[in-house]
N, C-alpha and C. Protein backbone atom coordinates (compact mmCIF):
# COMPACT_ATOMS: atom_id res chain seq x y z
N MET A 1 56.85 -62.25 -35.83
CA MET A 1 57.85 -62.68 -35.40
C MET A 1 58.74 -61.59 -34.72
N GLU A 2 59.26 -60.82 -35.59
CA GLU A 2 60.38 -59.80 -35.37
C GLU A 2 59.62 -58.79 -34.30
N SER A 3 58.05 -58.38 -34.33
CA SER A 3 57.58 -57.69 -33.45
C SER A 3 57.56 -58.48 -32.20
N GLY A 4 57.49 -59.77 -31.79
CA GLY A 4 57.56 -60.43 -30.64
C GLY A 4 59.02 -60.48 -30.16
N THR A 5 59.96 -60.74 -30.96
CA THR A 5 61.35 -60.55 -30.46
C THR A 5 61.82 -59.38 -29.98
N VAL A 6 61.26 -58.14 -30.56
CA VAL A 6 61.52 -56.86 -30.22
C VAL A 6 61.00 -56.79 -28.78
N ASP A 7 59.71 -57.12 -28.41
CA ASP A 7 59.05 -56.92 -27.19
C ASP A 7 59.90 -57.76 -26.10
N PHE A 8 60.07 -58.88 -26.41
CA PHE A 8 61.00 -59.77 -25.46
C PHE A 8 62.22 -59.01 -25.01
N TRP A 9 62.85 -58.61 -26.03
CA TRP A 9 64.27 -58.12 -25.70
C TRP A 9 64.07 -56.84 -25.01
N GLU A 10 62.88 -55.85 -25.06
CA GLU A 10 62.89 -54.60 -24.43
C GLU A 10 62.53 -55.23 -22.92
N LYS A 11 61.57 -55.94 -22.94
CA LYS A 11 61.28 -56.62 -21.61
C LYS A 11 62.59 -57.25 -20.78
N THR A 12 63.39 -57.75 -21.40
CA THR A 12 64.52 -58.36 -20.79
C THR A 12 65.54 -57.23 -20.40
N GLN A 13 65.75 -55.96 -21.17
CA GLN A 13 66.63 -54.88 -20.78
C GLN A 13 66.09 -54.11 -19.67
N SER A 14 64.86 -54.10 -19.68
CA SER A 14 64.09 -53.29 -18.52
C SER A 14 64.32 -53.96 -17.06
N TYR A 15 64.05 -55.62 -17.39
CA TYR A 15 64.30 -56.23 -16.11
C TYR A 15 65.80 -56.14 -15.40
N ALA A 16 66.63 -56.09 -16.53
CA ALA A 16 67.97 -55.98 -16.10
C ALA A 16 68.31 -54.76 -15.55
N LYS A 17 67.76 -53.44 -16.11
CA LYS A 17 67.97 -52.29 -15.51
C LYS A 17 67.28 -52.21 -14.05
N THR A 18 66.19 -52.81 -13.85
CA THR A 18 65.56 -53.06 -12.79
C THR A 18 66.49 -53.45 -11.71
N ARG A 19 66.86 -54.72 -11.91
CA ARG A 19 67.69 -55.49 -11.03
C ARG A 19 69.03 -54.89 -10.86
N ASN A 20 69.66 -54.34 -11.80
CA ASN A 20 70.88 -53.38 -11.51
C ASN A 20 70.47 -52.45 -10.45
N ARG A 21 69.48 -51.79 -10.41
CA ARG A 21 68.93 -50.63 -9.30
C ARG A 21 68.60 -51.17 -8.21
N PHE A 22 68.11 -52.27 -8.11
CA PHE A 22 67.95 -52.75 -7.01
C PHE A 22 69.25 -53.59 -6.03
N ASP A 23 70.23 -53.93 -7.21
CA ASP A 23 71.39 -54.46 -6.62
C ASP A 23 72.30 -53.19 -5.95
N ARG A 24 72.17 -52.02 -6.54
CA ARG A 24 73.15 -51.02 -6.11
C ARG A 24 72.32 -50.24 -4.82
N SER A 25 71.14 -50.66 -4.69
CA SER A 25 70.40 -50.00 -3.44
C SER A 25 70.63 -50.88 -2.35
N ARG A 26 71.08 -52.35 -2.19
CA ARG A 26 71.09 -53.02 -1.23
C ARG A 26 72.29 -52.63 -0.33
N PRO A 27 73.51 -52.41 -0.84
CA PRO A 27 74.53 -51.90 0.07
C PRO A 27 74.32 -50.95 0.88
N GLN A 28 73.59 -49.90 0.23
CA GLN A 28 73.09 -48.59 1.10
C GLN A 28 72.27 -48.93 2.24
N GLU A 29 71.42 -49.97 1.85
CA GLU A 29 70.41 -50.25 2.99
C GLU A 29 71.25 -50.90 4.09
N GLY A 30 72.18 -51.79 3.71
CA GLY A 30 72.95 -52.47 4.78
C GLY A 30 73.87 -51.69 5.60
N ALA A 31 74.35 -50.54 4.95
CA ALA A 31 75.17 -49.30 5.57
C ALA A 31 74.49 -48.79 6.70
N ALA A 32 73.03 -48.53 6.31
CA ALA A 32 72.28 -47.70 7.02
C ALA A 32 71.72 -48.63 8.25
N SER A 33 71.49 -49.84 8.18
CA SER A 33 71.27 -50.74 9.07
C SER A 33 72.27 -50.69 10.15
N GLU A 34 73.81 -50.89 9.60
CA GLU A 34 74.85 -50.97 10.56
C GLU A 34 74.86 -49.60 11.35
N ASP A 35 74.67 -48.63 10.94
CA ASP A 35 74.59 -47.17 11.49
C ASP A 35 73.88 -47.18 12.51
N ALA A 36 72.55 -47.56 12.17
CA ALA A 36 71.50 -47.70 13.09
C ALA A 36 71.78 -48.68 14.46
N THR A 37 72.51 -49.88 14.15
CA THR A 37 72.78 -50.60 15.24
C THR A 37 74.14 -50.14 15.92
N LEU A 38 74.88 -49.23 15.36
CA LEU A 38 75.99 -48.84 16.13
C LEU A 38 75.44 -47.66 17.13
N GLU A 39 74.39 -46.94 16.37
CA GLU A 39 73.74 -45.70 17.45
C GLU A 39 73.21 -46.65 18.59
N LEU A 40 72.37 -47.65 18.16
CA LEU A 40 71.82 -48.15 19.40
C LEU A 40 72.79 -49.00 20.35
N SER A 41 73.93 -49.44 20.23
CA SER A 41 74.83 -50.02 21.20
C SER A 41 75.66 -48.76 21.62
N VAL A 42 75.80 -47.17 21.15
CA VAL A 42 76.55 -46.34 21.69
C VAL A 42 75.65 -45.76 22.74
N ALA A 43 74.42 -45.67 22.50
CA ALA A 43 73.50 -44.91 23.35
C ALA A 43 73.63 -45.47 24.87
N PRO A 44 73.46 -46.69 25.13
CA PRO A 44 73.58 -47.18 26.52
C PRO A 44 74.90 -46.78 27.01
N ALA A 45 75.85 -47.04 26.26
CA ALA A 45 77.23 -46.71 26.87
C ALA A 45 77.21 -45.23 27.36
N GLU A 46 76.85 -44.32 26.48
CA GLU A 46 76.81 -42.96 27.27
C GLU A 46 75.92 -42.71 28.34
N ALA A 47 74.93 -43.51 28.28
CA ALA A 47 74.06 -43.25 29.42
C ALA A 47 74.59 -44.00 30.75
N GLU A 48 75.18 -44.98 30.63
CA GLU A 48 76.17 -45.24 31.64
C GLU A 48 77.19 -44.54 32.10
N LEU A 49 77.81 -43.75 31.25
CA LEU A 49 79.04 -42.89 31.47
C LEU A 49 78.40 -41.70 32.21
N GLN A 50 77.26 -41.26 31.83
CA GLN A 50 76.64 -39.99 32.40
C GLN A 50 76.13 -40.44 33.79
N ALA A 51 75.58 -41.68 34.17
CA ALA A 51 75.29 -42.26 35.37
C ALA A 51 76.52 -42.23 36.31
N GLY A 52 77.58 -42.63 35.50
CA GLY A 52 78.97 -43.01 36.39
C GLY A 52 79.17 -41.54 36.78
N ARG A 53 79.03 -40.50 35.98
CA ARG A 53 79.56 -39.02 36.35
C ARG A 53 78.76 -38.52 37.64
N THR A 54 77.42 -38.57 37.43
CA THR A 54 76.42 -38.25 38.32
C THR A 54 76.84 -38.98 39.65
N GLU A 55 77.11 -40.15 39.86
CA GLU A 55 77.25 -40.65 40.90
C GLU A 55 78.65 -40.37 41.49
N ILE A 56 79.76 -40.04 40.71
CA ILE A 56 81.06 -39.48 41.18
C ILE A 56 80.81 -38.34 42.00
N GLU A 57 80.13 -37.36 41.31
CA GLU A 57 79.65 -36.05 41.88
C GLU A 57 78.97 -36.11 43.07
N GLN A 58 78.01 -37.24 43.22
CA GLN A 58 77.26 -37.29 44.33
C GLN A 58 78.21 -37.59 45.56
N LEU A 59 78.91 -38.80 45.28
CA LEU A 59 80.10 -38.84 46.28
C LEU A 59 80.91 -37.56 46.80
N LYS A 60 81.71 -37.06 45.67
CA LYS A 60 82.29 -35.87 46.27
C LYS A 60 81.48 -34.82 47.01
N GLY A 61 80.21 -34.74 46.57
CA GLY A 61 79.56 -33.91 47.57
C GLY A 61 79.41 -34.68 48.93
N GLU A 62 79.05 -35.64 49.04
CA GLU A 62 79.11 -36.45 50.31
C GLU A 62 80.20 -36.45 51.10
N ARG A 63 81.44 -36.71 50.42
CA ARG A 63 82.67 -36.60 51.09
C ARG A 63 83.01 -35.14 51.68
N ASP A 64 82.61 -34.19 50.91
CA ASP A 64 82.76 -32.81 51.35
C ASP A 64 82.13 -32.37 52.59
N GLN A 65 80.69 -33.15 52.42
CA GLN A 65 79.96 -32.96 53.69
C GLN A 65 80.55 -33.54 55.13
N LEU A 66 81.08 -34.71 54.69
CA LEU A 66 81.58 -35.36 55.87
C LEU A 66 82.89 -34.84 56.00
N LEU A 67 83.80 -34.23 55.53
CA LEU A 67 84.87 -33.55 55.95
C LEU A 67 84.56 -32.06 56.78
N ASP A 68 83.68 -31.55 56.23
CA ASP A 68 83.13 -30.49 56.90
C ASP A 68 82.31 -30.69 58.38
N ARG A 69 81.86 -31.73 58.54
CA ARG A 69 81.33 -32.22 59.63
C ARG A 69 82.19 -32.49 60.57
N LEU A 70 83.36 -33.17 60.09
CA LEU A 70 84.48 -33.78 60.93
C LEU A 70 85.07 -32.63 61.41
N ALA A 71 85.42 -31.59 60.41
CA ALA A 71 86.02 -30.19 61.00
C ALA A 71 85.04 -29.52 62.22
N ARG A 72 83.95 -29.58 62.01
CA ARG A 72 83.21 -28.88 63.03
C ARG A 72 83.10 -29.72 64.30
N LEU A 73 83.23 -30.96 64.26
CA LEU A 73 83.16 -31.85 65.29
C LEU A 73 84.56 -31.52 65.95
N GLN A 74 85.75 -31.46 65.45
CA GLN A 74 87.10 -31.38 65.98
C GLN A 74 87.03 -29.74 66.67
N ALA A 75 86.47 -29.00 65.99
CA ALA A 75 86.34 -27.82 66.51
C ALA A 75 85.68 -27.53 67.88
N GLU A 76 84.48 -28.47 67.98
CA GLU A 76 83.90 -28.33 68.85
C GLU A 76 84.50 -29.17 70.24
N PHE A 77 84.97 -30.27 69.86
CA PHE A 77 85.88 -31.03 70.81
C PHE A 77 87.03 -30.21 71.54
N GLU A 78 87.65 -29.50 70.46
CA GLU A 78 88.74 -28.51 71.16
C GLU A 78 88.01 -27.52 71.99
N ASN A 79 86.87 -26.98 71.78
CA ASN A 79 86.38 -25.81 72.69
C ASN A 79 86.02 -26.33 73.82
N ALA A 80 85.29 -27.58 73.83
CA ALA A 80 84.87 -28.34 75.11
C ALA A 80 85.95 -28.61 76.17
N ARG A 81 87.39 -29.30 75.46
CA ARG A 81 88.39 -29.46 76.17
C ARG A 81 88.87 -28.14 76.73
N LYS A 82 88.91 -26.91 76.13
CA LYS A 82 89.48 -25.81 76.61
C LYS A 82 88.70 -25.46 77.68
N ARG A 83 87.15 -25.41 77.65
CA ARG A 83 86.23 -25.11 78.57
C ARG A 83 86.39 -25.82 79.81
N ALA A 84 86.46 -27.16 79.55
CA ALA A 84 86.90 -28.28 80.63
C ALA A 84 87.74 -27.81 81.62
N GLU A 85 88.85 -27.61 80.76
CA GLU A 85 90.22 -27.19 81.59
C GLU A 85 90.07 -25.65 82.41
N ARG A 86 89.43 -24.96 81.50
CA ARG A 86 89.24 -23.52 82.34
C ARG A 86 88.15 -23.83 83.52
N GLU A 87 87.23 -24.68 83.49
CA GLU A 87 86.42 -24.59 84.62
C GLU A 87 87.14 -25.58 85.77
N ARG A 88 87.97 -26.60 85.31
CA ARG A 88 88.86 -27.24 86.15
C ARG A 88 89.80 -26.31 87.09
N VAL A 89 90.38 -25.40 86.24
CA VAL A 89 91.41 -24.42 87.06
C VAL A 89 90.47 -23.35 87.69
N GLU A 90 89.46 -22.86 87.46
CA GLU A 90 88.49 -22.16 88.40
C GLU A 90 88.04 -22.64 89.55
N PHE A 91 87.72 -24.04 89.21
CA PHE A 91 87.06 -24.76 90.46
C PHE A 91 88.15 -24.86 91.67
N ARG A 92 89.33 -25.33 90.98
CA ARG A 92 90.35 -25.33 91.87
C ARG A 92 90.67 -24.04 92.72
N ASP A 93 90.80 -23.09 91.85
CA ASP A 93 91.27 -21.61 92.49
C ASP A 93 90.11 -21.37 93.42
N TYR A 94 88.82 -21.70 93.07
CA TYR A 94 87.66 -21.18 94.25
C TYR A 94 87.91 -22.29 95.57
N ALA A 95 88.10 -23.49 95.40
CA ALA A 95 88.32 -24.38 96.45
C ALA A 95 89.74 -24.13 97.23
N THR A 96 90.61 -23.69 96.54
CA THR A 96 91.95 -23.22 97.40
C THR A 96 91.64 -21.84 97.98
N GLY A 97 90.97 -20.91 97.32
CA GLY A 97 90.58 -19.67 97.84
C GLY A 97 89.64 -19.81 99.10
N ASN A 98 88.87 -20.78 99.10
CA ASN A 98 88.00 -21.11 100.37
C ASN A 98 88.83 -21.68 101.43
N VAL A 99 89.54 -22.45 101.35
CA VAL A 99 90.49 -23.07 102.21
C VAL A 99 91.50 -21.93 102.99
N VAL A 100 92.30 -21.21 102.10
CA VAL A 100 92.99 -20.28 102.34
C VAL A 100 92.45 -19.15 103.26
N GLU A 101 91.35 -18.94 102.83
CA GLU A 101 90.53 -17.66 103.69
C GLU A 101 90.14 -18.16 105.17
N GLN A 102 89.92 -19.47 105.14
CA GLN A 102 89.76 -19.88 106.68
C GLN A 102 91.04 -20.00 107.62
N PHE A 103 92.19 -19.84 107.01
CA PHE A 103 93.56 -19.92 107.58
C PHE A 103 94.07 -18.76 107.77
N LEU A 104 93.50 -17.65 107.31
CA LEU A 104 94.05 -16.29 107.33
C LEU A 104 93.75 -15.76 108.89
N PRO A 105 92.94 -16.22 109.59
CA PRO A 105 92.93 -15.86 110.86
C PRO A 105 93.78 -16.23 111.77
N VAL A 106 94.23 -17.60 111.42
CA VAL A 106 95.26 -18.10 112.00
C VAL A 106 96.61 -17.36 112.09
N VAL A 107 96.96 -17.05 110.39
CA VAL A 107 98.27 -16.36 110.21
C VAL A 107 97.97 -14.90 111.25
N ASP A 108 97.05 -14.24 111.13
CA ASP A 108 96.89 -13.09 111.66
C ASP A 108 97.16 -13.18 113.57
N ASN A 109 96.56 -14.44 113.85
CA ASN A 109 96.87 -14.48 115.46
C ASN A 109 98.48 -14.61 115.53
N PHE A 110 99.25 -15.51 114.56
CA PHE A 110 100.51 -15.84 114.83
C PHE A 110 101.38 -14.32 114.69
N GLU A 111 100.87 -13.39 114.00
CA GLU A 111 101.56 -12.15 113.77
C GLU A 111 101.40 -11.42 115.01
N LEU A 112 100.30 -11.50 115.58
CA LEU A 112 99.90 -10.66 116.76
C LEU A 112 100.81 -11.31 117.96
N ALA A 113 100.84 -12.50 118.07
CA ALA A 113 101.48 -13.20 119.05
C ALA A 113 103.03 -12.98 118.98
N LEU A 114 103.57 -12.81 117.68
CA LEU A 114 105.06 -12.28 117.50
C LEU A 114 105.20 -10.77 118.06
N LYS A 115 104.15 -10.07 117.89
CA LYS A 115 104.32 -8.66 118.17
C LYS A 115 103.99 -8.23 119.50
N SER A 116 103.63 -9.22 120.06
CA SER A 116 102.96 -9.10 121.84
C SER A 116 104.49 -9.15 122.50
N GLY A 117 104.29 -8.03 123.55
CA GLY A 117 105.49 -8.10 124.73
C GLY A 117 105.50 -9.05 125.70
N GLY A 118 104.48 -9.76 125.74
CA GLY A 118 104.27 -10.75 126.90
C GLY A 118 105.56 -11.77 127.34
N ASN A 119 105.44 -12.65 128.22
CA ASN A 119 106.65 -13.26 128.57
C ASN A 119 106.35 -14.69 127.82
N ALA A 120 107.35 -15.50 128.35
CA ALA A 120 107.28 -16.90 127.54
C ALA A 120 105.98 -17.55 127.78
N GLU A 121 105.68 -17.57 128.97
CA GLU A 121 104.42 -18.40 129.49
C GLU A 121 103.24 -17.79 128.47
N GLN A 122 102.88 -16.43 128.31
CA GLN A 122 102.11 -15.60 127.82
C GLN A 122 102.00 -16.11 126.32
N LEU A 123 103.28 -16.16 125.71
CA LEU A 123 103.48 -16.56 124.38
C LEU A 123 103.20 -17.93 124.27
N ARG A 124 103.42 -18.70 124.98
CA ARG A 124 103.11 -20.35 125.07
C ARG A 124 101.56 -20.50 125.03
N HIS A 125 100.89 -19.82 125.85
CA HIS A 125 99.35 -19.78 125.85
C HIS A 125 98.76 -19.32 124.53
N GLY A 126 99.37 -18.26 124.03
CA GLY A 126 98.73 -17.72 122.77
C GLY A 126 99.00 -18.80 121.68
N VAL A 127 100.23 -19.42 121.73
CA VAL A 127 100.48 -20.32 120.44
C VAL A 127 99.55 -21.63 120.78
N GLU A 128 99.11 -22.03 121.93
CA GLU A 128 98.13 -23.15 122.40
C GLU A 128 96.96 -22.68 121.59
N LEU A 129 96.29 -21.57 121.89
CA LEU A 129 95.23 -21.10 121.42
C LEU A 129 95.00 -21.11 119.86
N ILE A 130 96.33 -20.69 119.21
CA ILE A 130 96.22 -20.70 117.76
C ILE A 130 95.97 -22.05 117.39
N VAL A 131 96.91 -23.17 117.75
CA VAL A 131 96.79 -24.54 117.34
C VAL A 131 95.47 -24.85 117.61
N LYS A 132 94.60 -24.60 118.75
CA LYS A 132 93.36 -24.98 118.71
C LYS A 132 92.50 -24.64 117.74
N GLN A 133 92.44 -23.22 117.49
CA GLN A 133 92.00 -22.54 116.20
C GLN A 133 92.43 -23.49 114.84
N PHE A 134 93.48 -23.64 114.69
CA PHE A 134 93.91 -24.51 113.46
C PHE A 134 93.28 -25.79 113.41
N ASP A 135 93.26 -26.29 114.72
CA ASP A 135 92.66 -27.82 114.80
C ASP A 135 91.11 -27.61 114.34
N GLU A 136 90.50 -26.69 114.60
CA GLU A 136 89.05 -26.56 114.44
C GLU A 136 88.76 -26.22 113.11
N ILE A 137 89.74 -25.48 112.51
CA ILE A 137 89.73 -25.39 110.76
C ILE A 137 89.55 -26.62 110.41
N LEU A 138 90.35 -27.28 110.58
CA LEU A 138 90.83 -28.66 109.99
C LEU A 138 89.66 -29.69 110.23
N ARG A 139 89.13 -29.52 111.25
CA ARG A 139 87.75 -30.42 111.60
C ARG A 139 86.78 -29.72 110.59
N GLN A 140 86.55 -28.75 110.47
CA GLN A 140 85.30 -27.97 109.50
C GLN A 140 85.74 -28.66 108.10
N LEU A 141 86.75 -28.68 107.75
CA LEU A 141 87.28 -29.41 106.42
C LEU A 141 87.06 -31.10 106.24
N GLN A 142 86.94 -31.44 107.47
CA GLN A 142 86.91 -32.94 107.46
C GLN A 142 88.02 -33.43 107.63
N VAL A 143 89.14 -32.94 108.09
CA VAL A 143 90.51 -33.39 108.02
C VAL A 143 90.72 -33.65 109.54
N ASN A 144 90.86 -34.82 110.05
CA ASN A 144 91.05 -35.44 111.14
C ASN A 144 92.28 -36.05 111.65
N PRO A 145 93.00 -35.75 112.75
CA PRO A 145 94.33 -36.48 113.13
C PRO A 145 94.02 -37.91 113.14
N ILE A 146 95.26 -38.55 112.87
CA ILE A 146 95.04 -40.29 113.17
C ILE A 146 95.58 -40.60 114.63
N PRO A 147 94.70 -41.20 115.17
CA PRO A 147 94.78 -41.64 116.89
C PRO A 147 96.24 -42.43 116.87
N THR A 148 97.18 -42.18 117.55
CA THR A 148 98.72 -42.64 117.72
C THR A 148 98.78 -43.34 119.12
N VAL A 149 98.99 -42.60 119.89
CA VAL A 149 99.67 -43.08 121.29
C VAL A 149 98.49 -43.94 121.98
N GLY A 150 98.90 -45.29 122.28
CA GLY A 150 98.06 -46.28 123.08
C GLY A 150 97.27 -47.18 122.00
N GLU A 151 97.35 -46.75 120.80
CA GLU A 151 96.70 -47.37 119.73
C GLU A 151 97.58 -48.74 119.40
N ALA A 152 96.86 -49.71 118.83
CA ALA A 152 97.63 -50.61 118.20
C ALA A 152 98.36 -50.09 116.90
N PHE A 153 99.54 -50.54 116.63
CA PHE A 153 100.22 -50.22 115.31
C PHE A 153 99.69 -50.66 114.32
N ASP A 154 99.18 -49.71 113.36
CA ASP A 154 98.66 -50.07 112.14
C ASP A 154 99.48 -49.52 110.93
N PRO A 155 100.24 -50.25 110.19
CA PRO A 155 100.91 -50.15 109.21
C PRO A 155 100.18 -49.29 107.78
N ARG A 156 98.76 -49.34 108.05
CA ARG A 156 98.08 -48.56 107.06
C ARG A 156 98.00 -47.10 107.26
N VAL A 157 98.17 -46.49 108.61
CA VAL A 157 98.35 -45.36 108.73
C VAL A 157 99.31 -44.60 109.76
N HIS A 158 100.10 -45.56 110.15
CA HIS A 158 101.26 -45.45 111.09
C HIS A 158 102.64 -45.96 110.38
N GLU A 159 103.65 -44.84 110.59
CA GLU A 159 104.78 -45.31 109.90
C GLU A 159 105.90 -45.24 111.16
N ALA A 160 106.54 -46.47 111.49
CA ALA A 160 107.42 -46.63 112.68
C ALA A 160 108.78 -46.04 112.27
N LEU A 161 109.07 -45.31 113.21
CA LEU A 161 110.56 -44.67 113.26
C LEU A 161 111.49 -45.39 114.20
N GLY A 162 110.97 -46.43 114.71
CA GLY A 162 111.71 -47.10 115.85
C GLY A 162 110.93 -47.71 116.78
N SER A 163 111.56 -48.53 117.77
CA SER A 163 110.73 -49.13 118.79
C SER A 163 111.33 -48.55 120.09
N VAL A 164 110.55 -48.61 121.24
CA VAL A 164 110.94 -48.31 122.53
C VAL A 164 110.31 -49.50 123.38
N GLU A 165 111.55 -49.91 124.22
CA GLU A 165 111.33 -50.96 125.21
C GLU A 165 110.48 -50.66 126.34
N ARG A 166 109.18 -51.03 126.66
CA ARG A 166 108.45 -50.58 127.79
C ARG A 166 107.78 -51.80 128.28
N ASP A 167 107.50 -52.01 129.60
CA ASP A 167 106.46 -53.02 129.87
C ASP A 167 105.33 -52.42 130.76
N ASP A 168 104.91 -51.19 130.51
CA ASP A 168 103.73 -50.63 130.92
C ASP A 168 102.81 -50.59 129.88
N MET A 169 103.21 -50.87 128.54
CA MET A 169 102.10 -50.86 127.42
C MET A 169 102.14 -52.16 126.71
N PRO A 170 101.26 -52.38 125.97
CA PRO A 170 100.86 -53.42 125.16
C PRO A 170 102.05 -53.67 124.35
N ASP A 171 102.52 -54.62 123.89
CA ASP A 171 103.74 -54.73 122.55
C ASP A 171 102.94 -54.58 121.46
N GLN A 172 103.57 -54.00 120.52
CA GLN A 172 103.23 -53.32 119.27
C GLN A 172 101.89 -52.46 119.15
N HIS A 173 102.24 -51.64 120.24
CA HIS A 173 101.27 -50.39 120.27
C HIS A 173 102.06 -49.23 120.20
N VAL A 174 101.53 -48.07 119.99
CA VAL A 174 102.21 -46.99 119.63
C VAL A 174 102.60 -46.34 121.18
N ALA A 175 103.75 -45.95 121.15
CA ALA A 175 104.37 -45.46 122.59
C ALA A 175 104.57 -44.12 122.50
N GLU A 176 104.89 -43.33 121.29
CA GLU A 176 104.92 -42.12 121.05
C GLU A 176 105.00 -41.56 119.64
N GLU A 177 104.41 -40.42 119.65
CA GLU A 177 104.04 -39.71 118.24
C GLU A 177 105.03 -38.73 117.99
N ILE A 178 105.91 -38.77 116.89
CA ILE A 178 106.63 -38.01 116.40
C ILE A 178 106.25 -36.75 115.43
N ARG A 179 105.35 -37.36 114.68
CA ARG A 179 104.73 -36.39 113.79
C ARG A 179 103.18 -36.90 113.55
N ARG A 180 102.39 -35.84 113.76
CA ARG A 180 100.85 -36.21 113.41
C ARG A 180 100.53 -36.53 112.02
N GLY A 181 99.79 -37.66 112.06
CA GLY A 181 99.41 -38.07 110.73
C GLY A 181 97.91 -37.29 110.43
N TYR A 182 97.17 -37.21 109.20
CA TYR A 182 95.81 -36.80 108.98
C TYR A 182 95.41 -37.67 107.79
N LYS A 183 94.00 -37.66 107.99
CA LYS A 183 92.86 -38.29 107.11
C LYS A 183 92.02 -37.15 106.57
N LEU A 184 91.66 -36.85 105.23
CA LEU A 184 90.48 -36.42 104.84
C LEU A 184 89.40 -37.24 104.34
N ARG A 185 88.36 -37.26 105.24
CA ARG A 185 87.36 -38.25 105.41
C ARG A 185 88.03 -39.79 105.65
N GLU A 186 88.05 -40.50 104.45
CA GLU A 186 88.55 -41.89 104.49
C GLU A 186 89.92 -41.84 103.95
N ARG A 187 90.67 -40.80 103.09
CA ARG A 187 91.68 -40.65 102.59
C ARG A 187 92.74 -40.40 103.40
N LEU A 188 93.89 -41.02 103.24
CA LEU A 188 94.96 -40.83 104.02
C LEU A 188 95.85 -39.85 103.41
N LEU A 189 96.14 -38.61 104.07
CA LEU A 189 96.68 -37.61 103.84
C LEU A 189 98.10 -37.84 103.78
N ARG A 190 98.77 -38.15 105.19
CA ARG A 190 99.80 -38.76 105.45
C ARG A 190 99.93 -39.44 106.56
N PRO A 191 100.92 -40.32 106.76
CA PRO A 191 100.72 -41.38 107.85
C PRO A 191 101.15 -40.40 109.28
N ALA A 192 101.07 -41.14 110.29
CA ALA A 192 101.69 -40.54 111.47
C ALA A 192 103.03 -41.28 111.86
N LEU A 193 104.09 -40.62 111.96
CA LEU A 193 105.35 -41.00 112.36
C LEU A 193 105.37 -41.37 113.89
N VAL A 194 105.76 -42.47 114.29
CA VAL A 194 105.52 -43.13 115.69
C VAL A 194 106.79 -44.02 116.15
N ARG A 195 106.85 -44.28 117.27
CA ARG A 195 107.62 -45.26 117.78
C ARG A 195 106.78 -46.48 118.55
N VAL A 196 107.09 -47.44 118.31
CA VAL A 196 106.27 -48.62 118.80
C VAL A 196 106.71 -49.37 119.89
N VAL A 197 105.98 -49.66 120.70
CA VAL A 197 106.25 -50.54 121.96
C VAL A 197 106.86 -51.84 121.66
N HIS A 198 107.89 -52.28 122.38
CA HIS A 198 108.60 -53.48 122.25
C HIS A 198 108.42 -54.00 123.84
N ASN A 199 107.56 -54.66 124.16
CA ASN A 199 107.40 -55.34 125.61
C ASN A 199 107.89 -56.87 125.57
N PRO A 200 109.24 -57.02 126.35
CA PRO A 200 109.41 -58.56 126.18
C PRO A 200 108.72 -59.26 127.22
N ASN A 201 107.98 -58.71 127.68
CA ASN A 201 107.10 -59.55 129.02
C ASN A 201 105.60 -59.87 128.43
N GLN A 202 105.47 -58.99 127.26
CA GLN A 202 103.98 -59.11 126.98
C GLN A 202 103.82 -59.27 125.49
N LYS A 203 103.28 -60.03 124.81
CA LYS A 203 103.05 -59.87 123.32
C LYS A 203 101.54 -59.69 123.20
N ALA A 204 101.47 -58.45 121.85
CA ALA A 204 100.11 -58.13 121.31
C ALA A 204 99.16 -59.46 121.19
N ASP A 205 98.06 -59.45 121.42
CA ASP A 205 97.04 -60.49 121.03
C ASP A 205 96.82 -60.48 119.58
């Protein structure tokens, strides 16, 4: 009996020691499990943070590219504007030079007429030739005088300075030209200044 009791007692003590060791080991396993879970939850957050940083850097790069492109476009536009302005001035000067060049002989003839020692009739004849030369140059430039005397008054190309009572011309027709008007092709350069017929015995149709 004593031998059996001793064996039972030893077995009981051994079981208790084993149970104690098992109980002490369980909190450690739980802590390890919690650490593992924390690591698993932190890893995706770090990955998302890194992805966000990468996206921000990419957006900054795209922004810098757009700003650089905008700056280049602004520079190109400014250069194109200056070039267009320079070409416009050059074209205007070229066109003006061509016109002025055609009138230089007229100026030369006026100077010759003033230097001539002829009488009044000769001077008048010389001026008439110059005027014809001047008119020819205008025709070459497609600048034509507006018809006036004998034409029906047209407020689009005529400007009335008054009326003249006459019975030998139709009413509301141009009786007298005060200043010649001109058109460049179909564009009115200036209206003709005229006096208009007032015929009390006849009305315009």
